[in-house]
Amino acid sequence: MRPEYANALDSRALIYLKLGEIDRAIADYDTALRLDPAKAHSLYGRGLAKRKVGDLAGAEADLAAATAQAPRVAEEYSTYGLRP
């Protein structure tokens, strides 16, 4: 894996999220967003992960920012079986 490739990090974070490895998911989403701050999928995924660890304010901020950038991001994430 290329550690500087935001899309790969986003994909791995999604897998971690689905596996329940929330801290690892957040770490990968954080790195993906440092590389590509406008990545709505990473913001949305991190929002879902933050919600799972009880960071409700952080979750809502990420989910709102993701939706502002890509209004259909929640719909796209629901195809992965993930919803807020």
PDB file of N, CA and C in Angstrom:
ATOM      1  N   MET A   1       0.837  -1.180   0.000  1.00  0.00           N
ATOM      2  CA  MET A   1       0.000   0.000   0.000  1.00  0.00           C
ATOM      3  C   MET A   1       0.884   1.246   0.000  1.00  0.00           C
ATOM      4  N   ARG A   2       0.440   2.228  -0.727  1.00  0.00           N
ATOM      5  CA  ARG A   2       1.154   3.503  -0.780  1.00  0.00           C
ATOM      6  C   ARG A   2       0.639   4.394   0.352  1.00  0.00           C
ATOM      7  N   PRO A   3       1.471   4.697   1.336  1.00  0.00           N
ATOM      8  CA  PRO A   3       0.996   5.463   2.498  1.00  0.00           C
ATOM      9  C   PRO A   3       0.605   6.900   2.172  1.00  0.00           C
ATOM     10  N   GLU A   4       0.964   7.380   1.001  1.00  0.00           N
ATOM     11  CA  GLU A   4       0.608   8.747   0.637  1.00  0.00           C
ATOM     12  C   GLU A   4      -0.624   8.797  -0.274  1.00  0.00           C
ATOM     13  N   TYR A   5      -1.315   7.697  -0.428  1.00  0.00           N
ATOM     14  CA  TYR A   5      -2.455   7.605  -1.339  1.00  0.00           C
ATOM     15  C   TYR A   5      -3.763   7.634  -0.539  1.00  0.00           C
ATOM     16  N   ALA A   6      -4.433   8.781  -0.556  1.00  0.00           N
ATOM     17  CA  ALA A   6      -5.631   8.988   0.264  1.00  0.00           C
ATOM     18  C   ALA A   6      -6.733   7.983  -0.038  1.00  0.00           C
ATOM     19  N   ASN A   7      -6.900   7.602  -1.304  1.00  0.00           N
ATOM     20  CA  ASN A   7      -7.971   6.655  -1.645  1.00  0.00           C
ATOM     21  C   ASN A   7      -7.745   5.284  -1.021  1.00  0.00           C
ATOM     22  N   ALA A   8      -6.496   4.831  -0.994  1.00  0.00           N
ATOM     23  CA  ALA A   8      -6.197   3.536  -0.381  1.00  0.00           C
ATOM     24  C   ALA A   8      -6.439   3.591   1.124  1.00  0.00           C
ATOM     25  N   LEU A   9      -6.041   4.675   1.744  1.00  0.00           N
ATOM     26  CA  LEU A   9      -6.267   4.837   3.183  1.00  0.00           C
ATOM     27  C   LEU A   9      -7.756   4.888   3.493  1.00  0.00           C
ATOM     28  N   ASP A  10      -8.514   5.578   2.657  1.00  0.00           N
ATOM     29  CA  ASP A  10      -9.960   5.656   2.831  1.00  0.00           C
ATOM     30  C   ASP A  10     -10.589   4.263   2.735  1.00  0.00           C
ATOM     31  N   SER A  11     -10.147   3.481   1.770  1.00  0.00           N
ATOM     32  CA  SER A  11     -10.686   2.124   1.608  1.00  0.00           C
ATOM     33  C   SER A  11     -10.344   1.238   2.795  1.00  0.00           C
ATOM     34  N   ARG A  12      -9.100   1.330   3.270  1.00  0.00           N
ATOM     35  CA  ARG A  12      -8.719   0.516   4.421  1.00  0.00           C
ATOM     36  C   ARG A  12      -9.474   0.961   5.664  1.00  0.00           C
ATOM     37  N   ALA A  13      -9.667   2.261   5.808  1.00  0.00           N
ATOM     38  CA  ALA A  13     -10.431   2.764   6.950  1.00  0.00           C
ATOM     39  C   ALA A  13     -11.855   2.231   6.928  1.00  0.00           C
ATOM     40  N   LEU A  14     -12.455   2.172   5.759  1.00  0.00           N
ATOM     41  CA  LEU A  14     -13.803   1.618   5.640  1.00  0.00           C
ATOM     42  C   LEU A  14     -13.833   0.162   6.095  1.00  0.00           C
ATOM     43  N   ILE A  15     -12.837  -0.593   5.715  1.00  0.00           N
ATOM     44  CA  ILE A  15     -12.764  -1.997   6.138  1.00  0.00           C
ATOM     45  C   ILE A  15     -12.626  -2.078   7.655  1.00  0.00           C
ATOM     46  N   TYR A  16     -11.740  -1.261   8.221  1.00  0.00           N
ATOM     47  CA  TYR A  16     -11.594  -1.247   9.678  1.00  0.00           C
ATOM     48  C   TYR A  16     -12.912  -0.872  10.355  1.00  0.00           C
ATOM     49  N   LEU A  17     -13.603   0.090   9.800  1.00  0.00           N
ATOM     50  CA  LEU A  17     -14.883   0.512  10.369  1.00  0.00           C
ATOM     51  C   LEU A  17     -15.871  -0.640  10.367  1.00  0.00           C
ATOM     52  N   LYS A  18     -15.951  -1.346   9.265  1.00  0.00           N
ATOM     53  CA  LYS A  18     -16.880  -2.473   9.172  1.00  0.00           C
ATOM     54  C   LYS A  18     -16.483  -3.622  10.102  1.00  0.00           C
ATOM     55  N   LEU A  19     -15.195  -3.761  10.355  1.00  0.00           N
ATOM     56  CA  LEU A  19     -14.714  -4.815  11.255  1.00  0.00           C
ATOM     57  C   LEU A  19     -14.819  -4.424  12.732  1.00  0.00           C
ATOM     58  N   GLY A  20     -15.175  -3.167  12.991  1.00  0.00           N
ATOM     59  CA  GLY A  20     -15.277  -2.710  14.368  1.00  0.00           C
ATOM     60  C   GLY A  20     -13.956  -2.253  14.963  1.00  0.00           C
ATOM     61  N   GLU A  21     -12.934  -2.093  14.136  1.00  0.00           N
ATOM     62  CA  GLU A  21     -11.637  -1.605  14.593  1.00  0.00           C
ATOM     63  C   GLU A  21     -11.631  -0.075  14.437  1.00  0.00           C
ATOM     64  N   ILE A  22     -12.377   0.552  15.318  1.00  0.00           N
ATOM     65  CA  ILE A  22     -12.705   1.965  15.179  1.00  0.00           C
ATOM     66  C   ILE A  22     -11.482   2.875  15.298  1.00  0.00           C
ATOM     67  N   ASP A  23     -10.605   2.615  16.242  1.00  0.00           N
ATOM     68  CA  ASP A  23      -9.415   3.468  16.389  1.00  0.00           C
ATOM     69  C   ASP A  23      -8.548   3.421  15.138  1.00  0.00           C
ATOM     70  N   ARG A  24      -8.405   2.245  14.556  1.00  0.00           N
ATOM     71  CA  ARG A  24      -7.618   2.119  13.324  1.00  0.00           C
ATOM     72  C   ARG A  24      -8.317   2.832  12.167  1.00  0.00           C
ATOM     73  N   ALA A  25      -9.636   2.737  12.124  1.00  0.00           N
ATOM     74  CA  ALA A  25     -10.396   3.429  11.081  1.00  0.00           C
ATOM     75  C   ALA A  25     -10.185   4.938  11.188  1.00  0.00           C
ATOM     76  N   ILE A  26     -10.325   5.457  12.388  1.00  0.00           N
ATOM     77  CA  ILE A  26     -10.151   6.903  12.586  1.00  0.00           C
ATOM     78  C   ILE A  26      -8.737   7.334  12.197  1.00  0.00           C
ATOM     79  N   ALA A  27      -7.746   6.556  12.566  1.00  0.00           N
ATOM     80  CA  ALA A  27      -6.356   6.898  12.222  1.00  0.00           C
ATOM     81  C   ALA A  27      -6.175   6.973  10.703  1.00  0.00           C
ATOM     82  N   ASP A  28      -6.723   6.007   9.979  1.00  0.00           N
ATOM     83  CA  ASP A  28      -6.594   6.032   8.520  1.00  0.00           C
ATOM     84  C   ASP A  28      -7.401   7.163   7.906  1.00  0.00           C
ATOM     85  N   TYR A  29      -8.600   7.414   8.421  1.00  0.00           N
ATOM     86  CA  TYR A  29      -9.376   8.548   7.912  1.00  0.00           C
ATOM     87  C   TYR A  29      -8.647   9.864   8.180  1.00  0.00           C
ATOM     88  N   ASP A  30      -8.057  10.012   9.362  1.00  0.00           N
ATOM     89  CA  ASP A  30      -7.301  11.226   9.682  1.00  0.00           C
ATOM     90  C   ASP A  30      -6.164  11.434   8.680  1.00  0.00           C
ATOM     91  N   THR A  31      -5.428  10.379   8.392  1.00  0.00           N
ATOM     92  CA  THR A  31      -4.313  10.487   7.450  1.00  0.00           C
ATOM     93  C   THR A  31      -4.813  10.797   6.044  1.00  0.00           C
ATOM     94  N   ALA A  32      -5.870  10.130   5.620  1.00  0.00           N
ATOM     95  CA  ALA A  32      -6.443  10.394   4.296  1.00  0.00           C
ATOM     96  C   ALA A  32      -6.871  11.855   4.179  1.00  0.00           C
ATOM     97  N   LEU A  33      -7.453  12.384   5.248  1.00  0.00           N
ATOM     98  CA  LEU A  33      -7.903  13.777   5.221  1.00  0.00           C
ATOM     99  C   LEU A  33      -6.748  14.766   5.283  1.00  0.00           C
ATOM    100  N   ARG A  34      -5.643  14.399   5.903  1.00  0.00           N
ATOM    101  CA  ARG A  34      -4.461  15.268   5.852  1.00  0.00           C
ATOM    102  C   ARG A  34      -3.940  15.352   4.414  1.00  0.00           C
ATOM    103  N   LEU A  35      -4.035  14.248   3.689  1.00  0.00           N
ATOM    104  CA  LEU A  35      -3.570  14.211   2.302  1.00  0.00           C
ATOM    105  C   LEU A  35      -4.558  14.858   1.343  1.00  0.00           C
ATOM    106  N   ASP A  36      -5.852  14.709   1.643  1.00  0.00           N
ATOM    107  CA  ASP A  36      -6.904  15.246   0.767  1.00  0.00           C
ATOM    108  C   ASP A  36      -8.047  15.762   1.643  1.00  0.00           C
ATOM    109  N   PRO A  37      -7.938  16.998   2.141  1.00  0.00           N
ATOM    110  CA  PRO A  37      -8.915  17.544   3.084  1.00  0.00           C
ATOM    111  C   PRO A  37     -10.340  17.645   2.544  1.00  0.00           C
ATOM    112  N   ALA A  38     -10.489  17.604   1.245  1.00  0.00           N
ATOM    113  CA  ALA A  38     -11.819  17.743   0.650  1.00  0.00           C
ATOM    114  C   ALA A  38     -12.459  16.398   0.337  1.00  0.00           C
ATOM    115  N   LYS A  39     -11.955  15.327   0.902  1.00  0.00           N
ATOM    116  CA  LYS A  39     -12.460  13.978   0.602  1.00  0.00           C
ATOM    117  C   LYS A  39     -13.708  13.700   1.444  1.00  0.00           C
ATOM    118  N   ALA A  40     -14.868  13.885   0.831  1.00  0.00           N
ATOM    119  CA  ALA A  40     -16.145  13.739   1.536  1.00  0.00           C
ATOM    120  C   ALA A  40     -16.329  12.331   2.098  1.00  0.00           C
ATOM    121  N   HIS A  41     -15.892  11.312   1.380  1.00  0.00           N
ATOM    122  CA  HIS A  41     -16.058   9.940   1.863  1.00  0.00           C
ATOM    123  C   HIS A  41     -15.274   9.725   3.155  1.00  0.00           C
ATOM    124  N   SER A  42     -14.081  10.266   3.212  1.00  0.00           N
ATOM    125  CA  SER A  42     -13.286  10.123   4.439  1.00  0.00           C
ATOM    126  C   SER A  42     -13.907  10.888   5.592  1.00  0.00           C
ATOM    127  N   LEU A  43     -14.416  12.073   5.325  1.00  0.00           N
ATOM    128  CA  LEU A  43     -15.098  12.838   6.375  1.00  0.00           C
ATOM    129  C   LEU A  43     -16.312  12.079   6.901  1.00  0.00           C
ATOM    130  N   TYR A  44     -17.090  11.531   5.996  1.00  0.00           N
ATOM    131  CA  TYR A  44     -18.299  10.827   6.408  1.00  0.00           C
ATOM    132  C   TYR A  44     -17.951   9.568   7.205  1.00  0.00           C
ATOM    133  N   GLY A  45     -16.994   8.801   6.694  1.00  0.00           N
ATOM    134  CA  GLY A  45     -16.581   7.597   7.413  1.00  0.00           C
ATOM    135  C   GLY A  45     -16.027   7.908   8.788  1.00  0.00           C
ATOM    136  N   ARG A  46     -15.214   8.976   8.860  1.00  0.00           N
ATOM    137  CA  ARG A  46     -14.673   9.359  10.169  1.00  0.00           C
ATOM    138  C   ARG A  46     -15.796   9.800  11.098  1.00  0.00           C
ATOM    139  N   GLY A  47     -16.799  10.473  10.546  1.00  0.00           N
ATOM    140  CA  GLY A  47     -17.948  10.863  11.359  1.00  0.00           C
ATOM    141  C   GLY A  47     -18.659   9.652  11.944  1.00  0.00           C
ATOM    142  N   LEU A  48     -18.852   8.638  11.124  1.00  0.00           N
ATOM    143  CA  LEU A  48     -19.488   7.409  11.624  1.00  0.00           C
ATOM    144  C   LEU A  48     -18.627   6.755  12.699  1.00  0.00           C
ATOM    145  N   ALA A  49     -17.318   6.739  12.476  1.00  0.00           N
ATOM    146  CA  ALA A  49     -16.411   6.135  13.453  1.00  0.00           C
ATOM    147  C   ALA A  49     -16.409   6.923  14.762  1.00  0.00           C
ATOM    148  N   LYS A  50     -16.371   8.243  14.652  1.00  0.00           N
ATOM    149  CA  LYS A  50     -16.392   9.070  15.865  1.00  0.00           C
ATOM    150  C   LYS A  50     -17.676   8.849  16.652  1.00  0.00           C
ATOM    151  N   ARG A  51     -18.764   8.674  15.971  1.00  0.00           N
ATOM    152  CA  ARG A  51     -20.026   8.415  16.658  1.00  0.00           C
ATOM    153  C   ARG A  51     -19.925   7.120  17.462  1.00  0.00           C
ATOM    154  N   LYS A  52     -19.269   6.110  16.909  1.00  0.00           N
ATOM    155  CA  LYS A  52     -19.142   4.818  17.595  1.00  0.00           C
ATOM    156  C   LYS A  52     -18.307   4.909  18.873  1.00  0.00           C
ATOM    157  N   VAL A  53     -17.390   5.880  18.933  1.00  0.00           N
ATOM    158  CA  VAL A  53     -16.577   6.027  20.150  1.00  0.00           C
ATOM    159  C   VAL A  53     -17.124   7.102  21.075  1.00  0.00           C
ATOM    160  N   GLY A  54     -18.282   7.649  20.734  1.00  0.00           N
ATOM    161  CA  GLY A  54     -18.937   8.599  21.624  1.00  0.00           C
ATOM    162  C   GLY A  54     -18.582  10.049  21.406  1.00  0.00           C
ATOM    163  N   ASP A  55     -17.818  10.351  20.367  1.00  0.00           N
ATOM    164  CA  ASP A  55     -17.478  11.747  20.053  1.00  0.00           C
ATOM    165  C   ASP A  55     -18.596  12.314  19.183  1.00  0.00           C
ATOM    166  N   LEU A  56     -19.718  12.637  19.814  1.00  0.00           N
ATOM    167  CA  LEU A  56     -20.897  13.057  19.060  1.00  0.00           C
ATOM    168  C   LEU A  56     -20.715  14.408  18.385  1.00  0.00           C
ATOM    169  N   ALA A  57     -20.048  15.345  19.038  1.00  0.00           N
ATOM    170  CA  ALA A  57     -19.820  16.657  18.424  1.00  0.00           C
ATOM    171  C   ALA A  57     -18.903  16.525  17.205  1.00  0.00           C
ATOM    172  N   GLY A  58     -17.842  15.763  17.347  1.00  0.00           N
ATOM    173  CA  GLY A  58     -16.927  15.538  16.225  1.00  0.00           C
ATOM    174  C   GLY A  58     -17.612  14.796  15.088  1.00  0.00           C
ATOM    175  N   ALA A  59     -18.441  13.831  15.448  1.00  0.00           N
ATOM    176  CA  ALA A  59     -19.170  13.062  14.442  1.00  0.00           C
ATOM    177  C   ALA A  59     -20.099  13.961  13.639  1.00  0.00           C
ATOM    178  N   GLU A  60     -20.866  14.775  14.337  1.00  0.00           N
ATOM    179  CA  GLU A  60     -21.816  15.650  13.645  1.00  0.00           C
ATOM    180  C   GLU A  60     -21.105  16.654  12.759  1.00  0.00           C
ATOM    181  N   ALA A  61     -19.966  17.172  13.217  1.00  0.00           N
ATOM    182  CA  ALA A  61     -19.203  18.126  12.403  1.00  0.00           C
ATOM    183  C   ALA A  61     -18.698  17.461  11.124  1.00  0.00           C
ATOM    184  N   ASP A  62     -18.155  16.252  11.253  1.00  0.00           N
ATOM    185  CA  ASP A  62     -17.662  15.547  10.071  1.00  0.00           C
ATOM    186  C   ASP A  62     -18.795  15.175   9.122  1.00  0.00           C
ATOM    187  N   LEU A  63     -19.899  14.670   9.663  1.00  0.00           N
ATOM    188  CA  LEU A  63     -21.023  14.276   8.813  1.00  0.00           C
ATOM    189  C   LEU A  63     -21.602  15.474   8.078  1.00  0.00           C
ATOM    190  N   ALA A  64     -21.718  16.612   8.770  1.00  0.00           N
ATOM    191  CA  ALA A  64     -22.246  17.817   8.134  1.00  0.00           C
ATOM    192  C   ALA A  64     -21.298  18.333   7.053  1.00  0.00           C
ATOM    193  N   ALA A  65     -19.998  18.326   7.325  1.00  0.00           N
ATOM    194  CA  ALA A  65     -19.019  18.785   6.332  1.00  0.00           C
ATOM    195  C   ALA A  65     -19.026  17.875   5.106  1.00  0.00           C
ATOM    196  N   ALA A  66     -19.117  16.580   5.335  1.00  0.00           N
ATOM    197  CA  ALA A  66     -19.149  15.628   4.221  1.00  0.00           C
ATOM    198  C   ALA A  66     -20.386  15.832   3.365  1.00  0.00           C
ATOM    199  N   THR A  67     -21.533  16.019   4.012  1.00  0.00           N
ATOM    200  CA  THR A  67     -22.787  16.213   3.288  1.00  0.00           C
ATOM    201  C   THR A  67     -22.786  17.535   2.522  1.00  0.00           C
ATOM    202  N   ALA A  68     -22.152  18.545   3.081  1.00  0.00           N
ATOM    203  CA  ALA A  68     -22.052  19.824   2.375  1.00  0.00           C
ATOM    204  C   ALA A  68     -21.220  19.685   1.102  1.00  0.00           C
ATOM    205  N   GLN A  69     -20.184  18.868   1.164  1.00  0.00           N
ATOM    206  CA  GLN A  69     -19.311  18.663   0.001  1.00  0.00           C
ATOM    207  C   GLN A  69     -19.935  17.723  -1.024  1.00  0.00           C
ATOM    208  N   ALA A  70     -20.618  16.702  -0.538  1.00  0.00           N
ATOM    209  CA  ALA A  70     -21.185  15.673  -1.424  1.00  0.00           C
ATOM    210  C   ALA A  70     -22.551  15.263  -0.861  1.00  0.00           C
ATOM    211  N   PRO A  71     -23.614  15.928  -1.289  1.00  0.00           N
ATOM    212  CA  PRO A  71     -24.940  15.699  -0.712  1.00  0.00           C
ATOM    213  C   PRO A  71     -25.421  14.241  -0.719  1.00  0.00           C
ATOM    214  N   ARG A  72     -24.891  13.414  -1.580  1.00  0.00           N
ATOM    215  CA  ARG A  72     -25.341  12.009  -1.648  1.00  0.00           C
ATOM    216  C   ARG A  72     -24.425  11.042  -0.901  1.00  0.00           C
ATOM    217  N   VAL A  73     -23.472  11.560  -0.131  1.00  0.00           N
ATOM    218  CA  VAL A  73     -22.498  10.695   0.523  1.00  0.00           C
ATOM    219  C   VAL A  73     -23.166   9.713   1.491  1.00  0.00           C
ATOM    220  N   ALA A  74     -24.194  10.128   2.205  1.00  0.00           N
ATOM    221  CA  ALA A  74     -24.884   9.215   3.135  1.00  0.00           C
ATOM    222  C   ALA A  74     -25.529   8.071   2.366  1.00  0.00           C
ATOM    223  N   GLU A  75     -26.098   8.387   1.241  1.00  0.00           N
ATOM    224  CA  GLU A  75     -26.723   7.369   0.393  1.00  0.00           C
ATOM    225  C   GLU A  75     -25.664   6.378  -0.109  1.00  0.00           C
ATOM    226  N   GLU A  76     -24.513   6.898  -0.504  1.00  0.00           N
ATOM    227  CA  GLU A  76     -23.439   6.031  -0.980  1.00  0.00           C
ATOM    228  C   GLU A  76     -22.922   5.140   0.134  1.00  0.00           C
ATOM    229  N   TYR A  77     -22.749   5.690   1.321  1.00  0.00           N
ATOM    230  CA  TYR A  77     -22.273   4.887   2.454  1.00  0.00           C
ATOM    231  C   TYR A  77     -23.293   3.831   2.867  1.00  0.00           C
ATOM    232  N   SER A  78     -24.563   4.105   2.673  1.00  0.00           N
ATOM    233  CA  SER A  78     -25.580   3.111   3.051  1.00  0.00           C
ATOM    234  C   SER A  78     -25.453   1.851   2.214  1.00  0.00           C
ATOM    235  N   THR A  79     -24.868   1.955   1.014  1.00  0.00           N
ATOM    236  CA  THR A  79     -24.666   0.755   0.203  1.00  0.00           C
ATOM    237  C   THR A  79     -23.610  -0.163   0.805  1.00  0.00           C
ATOM    238  N   TYR A  80     -22.797   0.375   1.723  1.00  0.00           N
ATOM    239  CA  TYR A  80     -21.806  -0.433   2.445  1.00  0.00           C
ATOM    240  C   TYR A  80     -22.392  -1.022   3.729  1.00  0.00           C
ATOM    241  N   GLY A  81     -23.673  -0.728   3.971  1.00  0.00           N
ATOM    242  CA  GLY A  81     -24.307  -1.204   5.186  1.00  0.00           C
ATOM    243  C   GLY A  81     -24.005  -0.325   6.394  1.00  0.00           C
ATOM    244  N   LEU A  82     -23.590   0.916   6.160  1.00  0.00           N
ATOM    245  CA  LEU A  82     -23.235   1.830   7.249  1.00  0.00           C
ATOM    246  C   LEU A  82     -24.120   3.051   7.211  1.00  0.00           C
ATOM    247  N   ARG A  83     -24.732   3.328   8.344  1.00  0.00           N
ATOM    248  CA  ARG A  83     -25.592   4.506   8.493  1.00  0.00           C
ATOM    249  C   ARG A  83     -25.353   5.118   9.849  1.00  0.00           C
ATOM    250  N   PRO A  84     -25.647   6.429   9.942  1.00  0.00           N
ATOM    251  CA  PRO A  84     -25.471   7.076  11.252  1.00  0.00           C
ATOM    252  C   PRO A  84     -26.403   6.526  12.320  1.00  0.00           C
TER     253      PRO A  84
END
